[in-house]
Amino acid sequence: MTGISRIGINHIRCIRHAEFTLHPNFTLLCGPNGSGKTSVLEAIHILSLARSFRTQNITKVISDDASKCSVIADYTDLSGGKKVIGVEKNREGDTLMRIDRQAIKTAAELTSLLPLRIISQESYSLIDGSSKGRRQLLDWLAFHVEPQFNQTWGMTQRLLKQRNALLKRKQGFDLNELNSWDTELSQCSEQINEFRTSAFNRFSAHFITYIAELLPSATLRLDLYKGWPENQTLRESLFAGIERDRKLGYTHHSPNRADIAIKVGNKLAAECLSRGQKKILVYALVLAQVATLFSSLKEKHQQLRTLVLIDDMGAELDIKNQNLLLDTLARCNSQVLITGTELAWMKNAISPDRCKLFHVEQGAINLA
């Protein structure tokens, strides 16, 4: 079974040093507010993505009396082999990443081993925030399922940057040069759209199943907008919008404008759901991602378990809904970590042999 077992955390916020072993199914982190529970999730996020989910300023993450922080973990890979994964970051912003003591160059190598989803207070932005978070629901899937996605995405962003630089040029604007960029940009963008559409079709099917189970009182649907008019290719859209784009100084239609509209009837979910319903909707979206990844890789005879991090699960959810979510999480083929101030009941609700309960206080982590 793939996943993290032993993990060591050094100088991340109030956690000076901690070493403990995760359960392959559920790990529960219980303690008072400010005790370091969320910092454990932050450390695992750094291990997977080489960055914090709480801040872009690494100096806020590193303990006050330390010059650097680090996370190291034992990992079991797809073939059952053991690996040691580590990330170290210093106050100057330097990052050192290793797999089995060998330095690696990109965080993508970590992420490909440790697919991770997190549910926190910031996750409401999936509903209320900009389109970027909703696009990333699909891009996360495409990254892990489509081998060419990451390279194609990088090329798309470089071409888009070149096109925007040309649009801003006050003198020497060359329409032939723009057409050349547009041809390449369109080819890469259409490929990105194919990856996203494939992911969306699978994802939406799983979403319908989860939302019916978790939020049966609301009839929700998902609509995909590719980032340019549905009745045009991107090449046609770029050509038609040259004058507008020159006035704006940037490209109006592109894959960076894609979005998933989450609707209840004809209204956006952000406009008509309560805060509690929005939180359950976030769970349904993330669980649909996890299920889509698992089933997509299974078809390729691959196995990769997602790390699901849940910060303060009890916030704005009653015990009935928490139990419903626990039942659903137990079936999602993931390694789950949950934080909260009162979680002892949850150990029995899950089954004591399928979870570990740790008490966290003042940065110390001990088996409860």
Protein backbone atom coordinates (compact mmCIF):
# COMPACT_ATOMS: atom_id res chain seq x y z
CA MET A 1 0.00 0.00 0.00
CA THR A 2 1.53 3.32 -1.09
CA GLY A 3 1.86 6.25 1.26
CA ILE A 4 3.85 7.84 4.06
CA SER A 5 4.75 5.92 7.22
CA ARG A 6 7.34 7.57 9.48
CA ILE A 7 7.64 11.34 9.26
CA GLY A 8 10.10 13.77 10.87
CA ILE A 9 9.38 17.49 11.21
CA ASN A 10 12.03 20.02 12.20
CA HIS A 11 11.59 23.72 13.00
CA ILE A 12 8.20 24.29 11.41
CA ARG A 13 6.49 27.00 13.44
CA CYS A 14 6.05 25.75 17.04
CA ILE A 15 7.23 22.23 16.17
CA ARG A 16 10.94 22.19 17.00
CA HIS A 17 11.31 18.46 16.39
CA ALA A 18 8.75 15.69 16.08
CA GLU A 19 8.91 12.18 14.72
CA PHE A 20 5.96 9.79 14.52
CA THR A 21 4.39 7.14 12.31
CA LEU A 22 1.19 7.77 10.36
CA HIS A 23 -1.55 5.19 10.00
CA PRO A 24 -2.00 4.01 6.39
CA ASN A 25 -5.71 4.91 6.59
CA PHE A 26 -6.58 7.62 9.15
CA THR A 27 -4.36 9.75 11.37
CA LEU A 28 -6.18 12.03 13.82
CA LEU A 29 -4.42 15.05 15.34
CA CYS A 30 -6.21 16.37 18.42
CA GLY A 31 -5.32 19.36 20.60
CA PRO A 32 -6.16 22.92 21.61
CA ASN A 33 -6.02 25.82 19.19
CA GLY A 34 -2.47 26.98 18.47
CA SER A 35 -0.93 23.67 19.55
CA GLY A 36 0.68 22.82 16.19
CA LYS A 37 -1.94 20.58 14.56
CA THR A 38 -2.19 22.63 11.37
CA SER A 39 1.60 22.90 11.28
CA VAL A 40 1.75 19.10 10.85
CA LEU A 41 -0.48 19.42 7.78
CA GLU A 42 1.67 22.31 6.58
CA ALA A 43 4.79 20.13 6.89
CA ILE A 44 3.22 17.37 4.80
CA HIS A 45 2.13 19.95 2.22
CA ILE A 46 5.75 21.15 2.01
CA LEU A 47 6.87 17.55 1.56
CA SER A 48 4.53 17.08 -1.41
CA LEU A 49 4.67 20.50 -3.08
CA ALA A 50 7.79 22.16 -1.61
CA ARG A 51 5.67 25.09 -0.39
CA SER A 52 3.28 26.01 2.40
CA PHE A 53 -0.48 26.30 1.89
CA ARG A 54 -0.66 29.03 4.57
CA THR A 55 1.86 31.61 3.36
CA GLN A 56 4.29 32.39 0.57
CA ASN A 57 6.77 33.81 3.09
CA ILE A 58 8.92 30.90 4.26
CA THR A 59 10.34 32.96 7.15
CA LYS A 60 6.91 32.76 8.79
CA VAL A 61 7.08 28.97 8.61
CA ILE A 62 10.57 28.49 10.05
CA SER A 63 10.76 28.48 13.87
CA ASP A 64 11.99 31.80 15.26
CA ASP A 65 15.26 30.40 16.60
CA ALA A 66 16.15 28.37 13.49
CA SER A 67 17.78 29.17 10.16
CA LYS A 68 15.97 26.45 8.21
CA CYS A 69 13.17 23.91 8.41
CA SER A 70 12.93 20.37 7.07
CA VAL A 71 10.53 17.49 6.60
CA ILE A 72 11.61 13.90 5.94
CA ALA A 73 9.45 10.82 5.49
CA ASP A 74 9.57 7.13 4.66
CA TYR A 75 7.46 6.40 1.61
CA THR A 76 6.27 3.15 0.04
CA ASP A 77 6.05 3.38 -3.74
CA LEU A 78 3.83 1.66 -6.32
CA SER A 79 5.95 -1.49 -6.44
CA GLY A 80 6.18 -1.81 -2.67
CA GLY A 81 9.69 -0.39 -2.59
CA LYS A 82 10.79 1.98 0.14
CA LYS A 83 11.98 5.54 -0.45
CA VAL A 84 13.07 8.38 1.80
CA ILE A 85 11.74 11.79 0.75
CA GLY A 86 12.99 15.06 2.18
CA VAL A 87 12.55 18.81 1.73
CA GLU A 88 14.63 21.51 3.40
CA LYS A 89 14.03 25.28 3.14
CA ASN A 90 16.08 28.13 4.57
CA ARG A 91 15.32 31.77 5.36
CA GLU A 92 16.95 32.93 2.12
CA GLY A 93 14.32 31.01 0.15
CA ASP A 94 16.59 28.18 -1.00
CA THR A 95 14.99 24.76 -1.28
CA LEU A 96 16.73 21.40 -1.24
CA MET A 97 14.66 18.39 -2.28
CA ARG A 98 15.85 14.80 -2.12
CA ILE A 99 14.57 11.33 -2.92
CA ASP A 100 16.78 8.61 -1.44
CA ARG A 101 19.51 11.18 -0.75
CA GLN A 102 19.63 12.20 -4.42
CA ALA A 103 18.89 15.87 -5.06
CA ILE A 104 16.01 16.53 -7.43
CA LYS A 105 15.41 19.71 -9.43
CA THR A 106 11.64 20.20 -9.51
CA ALA A 107 8.78 19.89 -7.06
CA ALA A 108 6.87 18.00 -9.77
CA GLU A 109 8.97 14.94 -8.94
CA LEU A 110 7.73 15.08 -5.35
CA THR A 111 4.14 15.76 -6.36
CA SER A 112 4.08 12.82 -8.77
CA LEU A 113 4.88 10.51 -5.82
CA LEU A 114 2.68 12.25 -3.26
CA PRO A 115 -0.58 13.51 -4.78
CA LEU A 116 -2.16 15.69 -2.12
CA ARG A 117 -5.46 17.45 -1.52
CA ILE A 118 -6.19 19.73 1.43
CA ILE A 119 -9.47 20.94 2.87
CA SER A 120 -9.15 24.01 5.08
CA GLN A 121 -10.89 27.33 5.66
CA GLU A 122 -9.28 28.59 2.45
CA SER A 123 -11.02 25.84 0.48
CA TYR A 124 -14.20 27.92 0.31
CA SER A 125 -12.45 29.78 -2.51
CA LEU A 126 -13.32 26.80 -4.73
CA ILE A 127 -16.90 28.05 -4.49
CA ASP A 128 -16.61 31.78 -3.84
CA GLY A 129 -13.20 32.59 -5.31
CA SER A 130 -11.68 33.13 -8.74
CA SER A 131 -11.71 30.57 -11.54
CA LYS A 132 -8.09 29.57 -10.88
CA GLY A 133 -8.94 27.17 -8.06
CA ARG A 134 -11.68 25.49 -10.05
CA ARG A 135 -9.38 25.09 -13.09
CA GLN A 136 -6.87 23.43 -10.83
CA LEU A 137 -9.40 20.74 -9.95
CA LEU A 138 -8.89 19.47 -13.49
CA ASP A 139 -5.23 20.39 -13.90
CA TRP A 140 -4.33 18.35 -10.80
CA LEU A 141 -5.99 15.32 -12.38
CA ALA A 142 -4.41 15.90 -15.79
CA PHE A 143 -0.96 16.28 -14.19
CA HIS A 144 -1.19 12.85 -12.56
CA VAL A 145 -2.96 11.02 -15.41
CA GLU A 146 -1.66 12.57 -18.65
CA PRO A 147 2.14 12.24 -19.06
CA GLN A 148 2.33 15.16 -21.52
CA PHE A 149 0.25 17.62 -19.50
CA ASN A 150 3.01 19.28 -17.49
CA GLN A 151 5.26 19.89 -20.50
CA THR A 152 2.35 21.12 -22.64
CA TRP A 153 1.17 23.43 -19.87
CA GLY A 154 4.63 24.92 -19.45
CA MET A 155 4.91 25.53 -23.20
CA THR A 156 1.45 27.15 -23.25
CA GLN A 157 2.44 29.60 -20.51
CA ARG A 158 5.67 30.53 -22.29
CA LEU A 159 3.85 31.14 -25.57
CA LEU A 160 1.19 33.19 -23.83
CA LYS A 161 3.88 35.32 -22.19
CA GLN A 162 5.52 35.93 -25.59
CA ARG A 163 2.19 36.88 -27.16
CA ASN A 164 1.36 39.30 -24.35
CA ALA A 165 4.80 40.93 -24.66
CA LEU A 166 4.16 41.47 -28.36
CA LEU A 167 0.70 42.93 -27.69
CA LYS A 168 2.25 45.49 -25.32
CA ARG A 169 4.81 46.58 -27.90
CA LYS A 170 4.13 50.20 -28.84
CA GLN A 171 6.47 50.27 -31.83
CA GLY A 172 7.41 47.57 -34.26
CA PHE A 173 4.24 45.50 -33.79
CA ASP A 174 4.36 42.72 -36.39
CA LEU A 175 1.11 41.00 -37.32
CA ASN A 176 2.97 38.13 -39.01
CA GLU A 177 4.93 37.53 -35.81
CA LEU A 178 1.67 37.54 -33.83
CA ASN A 179 0.16 35.00 -36.22
CA SER A 180 3.17 32.76 -35.71
CA TRP A 181 2.76 32.86 -31.90
CA ASP A 182 -0.99 32.31 -32.29
CA THR A 183 -0.50 29.13 -34.31
CA GLU A 184 1.73 27.53 -31.69
CA LEU A 185 -0.34 28.84 -28.77
CA SER A 186 -3.53 27.47 -30.29
CA GLN A 187 -2.06 24.01 -30.81
CA CYS A 188 -0.86 23.73 -27.21
CA SER A 189 -4.05 25.27 -25.81
CA GLU A 190 -6.31 22.89 -27.70
CA GLN A 191 -4.28 20.01 -26.26
CA ILE A 192 -4.72 21.43 -22.75
CA ASN A 193 -8.45 21.66 -23.41
CA GLU A 194 -8.53 18.01 -24.48
CA PHE A 195 -6.78 16.98 -21.26
CA ARG A 196 -9.18 19.07 -19.18
CA THR A 197 -12.29 17.87 -21.01
CA SER A 198 -11.31 14.24 -20.50
CA ALA A 199 -10.66 14.90 -16.80
CA PHE A 200 -13.92 16.85 -16.47
CA ASN A 201 -16.06 14.07 -17.94
CA ARG A 202 -14.67 11.55 -15.45
CA PHE A 203 -14.64 14.01 -12.56
CA SER A 204 -18.23 15.18 -13.03
CA ALA A 205 -19.52 11.59 -12.98
CA HIS A 206 -17.88 10.99 -9.59
CA PHE A 207 -19.04 14.39 -8.34
CA ILE A 208 -22.68 13.59 -9.09
CA THR A 209 -22.36 10.40 -7.01
CA TYR A 210 -20.76 12.15 -4.03
CA ILE A 211 -23.00 15.21 -4.00
CA ALA A 212 -26.12 13.01 -4.11
CA GLU A 213 -24.81 11.17 -1.06
CA LEU A 214 -23.49 14.15 0.91
CA LEU A 215 -25.94 16.89 -0.05
CA PRO A 216 -29.14 15.24 -1.35
CA SER A 217 -31.24 18.37 -0.68
CA ALA A 218 -29.53 20.33 -3.48
CA THR A 219 -29.52 19.48 -7.18
CA LEU A 220 -26.13 20.61 -8.42
CA ARG A 221 -24.47 20.44 -11.81
CA LEU A 222 -21.10 21.34 -13.27
CA ASP A 223 -20.51 23.20 -16.56
CA LEU A 224 -17.07 23.49 -18.15
CA TYR A 225 -16.02 26.69 -19.92
CA LYS A 226 -12.82 26.16 -21.90
CA GLY A 227 -11.62 29.79 -21.89
CA TRP A 228 -12.82 30.88 -25.33
CA PRO A 229 -16.19 30.77 -27.15
CA GLU A 230 -17.61 27.27 -27.54
CA ASN A 231 -18.40 27.81 -31.23
CA GLN A 232 -14.81 28.79 -32.11
CA THR A 233 -11.37 27.28 -32.09
CA LEU A 234 -8.86 29.28 -30.08
CA ARG A 235 -7.10 30.23 -33.33
CA GLU A 236 -10.33 31.76 -34.63
CA SER A 237 -10.97 33.54 -31.34
CA LEU A 238 -7.46 35.01 -31.21
CA PHE A 239 -7.74 36.28 -34.77
CA ALA A 240 -11.14 37.86 -34.11
CA GLY A 241 -9.92 39.57 -30.96
CA ILE A 242 -6.60 41.05 -32.11
CA GLU A 243 -7.71 44.70 -31.79
CA ARG A 244 -9.28 44.13 -28.39
CA ASP A 245 -6.18 42.33 -27.13
CA ARG A 246 -3.90 45.11 -28.39
CA LYS A 247 -5.96 47.67 -26.47
CA LEU A 248 -5.95 45.50 -23.34
CA GLY A 249 -2.27 44.63 -23.66
CA TYR A 250 -2.92 40.97 -22.91
CA THR A 251 -4.66 37.92 -24.35
CA HIS A 252 -8.33 37.81 -23.37
CA HIS A 253 -9.13 34.24 -24.48
CA SER A 254 -6.82 31.41 -23.40
CA PRO A 255 -6.74 28.27 -21.23
CA ASN A 256 -6.03 30.63 -18.31
CA ARG A 257 -9.65 31.78 -18.56
CA ALA A 258 -11.18 28.32 -18.23
CA ASP A 259 -13.67 27.75 -15.42
CA ILE A 260 -16.06 25.24 -13.92
CA ALA A 261 -19.47 26.76 -13.18
CA ILE A 262 -21.01 25.08 -10.11
CA LYS A 263 -24.76 25.63 -10.31
CA VAL A 264 -27.94 24.92 -8.40
CA GLY A 265 -30.56 25.14 -11.10
CA ASN A 266 -29.69 28.29 -13.01
CA LYS A 267 -27.92 29.99 -10.08
CA LEU A 268 -24.30 29.77 -9.07
CA ALA A 269 -23.78 27.71 -5.92
CA ALA A 270 -21.85 30.62 -4.39
CA GLU A 271 -25.03 32.69 -4.45
CA CYS A 272 -27.55 30.31 -2.92
CA LEU A 273 -25.87 27.74 -0.63
CA SER A 274 -25.34 28.21 3.10
CA ARG A 275 -21.81 28.17 4.52
CA GLY A 276 -22.34 24.65 5.87
CA GLN A 277 -23.60 23.45 2.49
CA LYS A 278 -20.59 25.05 0.80
CA LYS A 279 -18.25 23.12 3.08
CA ILE A 280 -19.96 19.83 2.19
CA LEU A 281 -19.74 20.85 -1.49
CA VAL A 282 -15.97 21.35 -1.08
CA TYR A 283 -15.71 17.81 0.33
CA ALA A 284 -17.67 16.45 -2.64
CA LEU A 285 -15.35 18.24 -5.10
CA VAL A 286 -12.19 16.95 -3.42
CA LEU A 287 -13.52 13.42 -2.99
CA ALA A 288 -14.52 13.40 -6.66
CA GLN A 289 -10.94 14.37 -7.55
CA VAL A 290 -9.53 11.55 -5.44
CA ALA A 291 -11.94 8.98 -6.86
CA THR A 292 -11.28 10.13 -10.42
CA LEU A 293 -7.52 9.81 -9.99
CA PHE A 294 -7.80 6.37 -8.44
CA SER A 295 -10.11 5.00 -11.15
CA SER A 296 -8.15 6.62 -14.01
CA LEU A 297 -4.85 5.11 -12.84
CA LYS A 298 -6.49 1.77 -12.13
CA GLU A 299 -7.44 1.55 -15.81
CA LYS A 300 -3.72 1.91 -16.58
CA HIS A 301 -2.89 -0.80 -14.02
CA GLN A 302 -1.30 1.78 -11.74
CA GLN A 303 -1.93 2.50 -8.09
CA LEU A 304 -1.36 5.84 -6.38
CA ARG A 305 -3.04 6.88 -3.16
CA THR A 306 -3.82 10.50 -2.46
CA LEU A 307 -2.93 12.20 0.82
CA VAL A 308 -6.08 13.98 2.01
CA LEU A 309 -5.44 16.64 4.68
CA ILE A 310 -8.46 18.02 6.55
CA ASP A 311 -7.94 20.96 8.89
CA ASP A 312 -10.52 21.43 11.65
CA MET A 313 -13.11 19.03 10.28
CA GLY A 314 -15.66 19.89 12.96
CA ALA A 315 -15.89 23.59 12.03
CA GLU A 316 -19.44 24.31 10.79
CA LEU A 317 -20.32 20.61 10.49
CA ASP A 318 -22.51 18.74 12.95
CA ILE A 319 -21.71 15.21 14.17
CA LYS A 320 -24.17 13.67 11.69
CA ASN A 321 -22.41 15.24 8.70
CA GLN A 322 -18.98 14.45 10.12
CA ASN A 323 -19.94 10.77 10.42
CA LEU A 324 -21.28 10.80 6.87
CA LEU A 325 -18.01 12.26 5.62
CA LEU A 326 -15.96 9.74 7.59
CA ASP A 327 -17.89 6.88 6.00
CA THR A 328 -17.25 8.39 2.57
CA LEU A 329 -13.56 9.04 3.25
CA ALA A 330 -13.14 5.42 4.38
CA ARG A 331 -14.06 4.30 0.87
CA CYS A 332 -11.88 6.73 -1.07
CA ASN A 333 -8.60 4.72 -1.13
CA SER A 334 -6.60 7.52 0.47
CA GLN A 335 -4.36 8.24 3.42
CA VAL A 336 -6.28 10.78 5.50
CA LEU A 337 -5.09 13.20 8.20
CA ILE A 338 -7.68 15.12 10.23
CA THR A 339 -7.17 17.85 12.82
CA GLY A 340 -9.60 19.02 15.50
CA THR A 341 -9.95 20.01 19.12
CA GLU A 342 -12.11 16.98 20.05
CA LEU A 343 -11.49 13.82 18.02
CA ALA A 344 -11.52 10.95 20.53
CA TRP A 345 -15.04 9.95 19.44
CA MET A 346 -13.84 9.79 15.85
CA LYS A 347 -11.42 6.94 16.57
CA ASN A 348 -14.31 4.67 17.57
CA ALA A 349 -16.48 5.95 14.71
CA ILE A 350 -13.80 4.98 12.18
CA SER A 351 -12.69 1.74 13.91
CA PRO A 352 -9.64 1.72 16.21
CA ASP A 353 -7.70 -0.64 13.94
CA ARG A 354 -8.00 1.74 10.97
CA CYS A 355 -6.67 4.88 12.63
CA LYS A 356 -4.22 6.43 15.07
CA LEU A 357 -5.02 9.27 17.44
CA PHE A 358 -2.28 11.72 18.43
CA HIS A 359 -2.42 14.51 20.98
CA VAL A 360 -0.68 17.74 19.95
CA GLU A 361 0.26 20.42 22.46
CA GLN A 362 2.87 23.17 22.27
CA GLY A 363 4.46 21.50 19.24
CA ALA A 364 4.81 18.08 20.90
CA ILE A 365 3.09 15.13 19.20
CA ASN A 366 2.30 12.04 21.28
CA LEU A 367 0.20 8.95 20.69
CA ALA A 368 -3.04 9.35 22.66
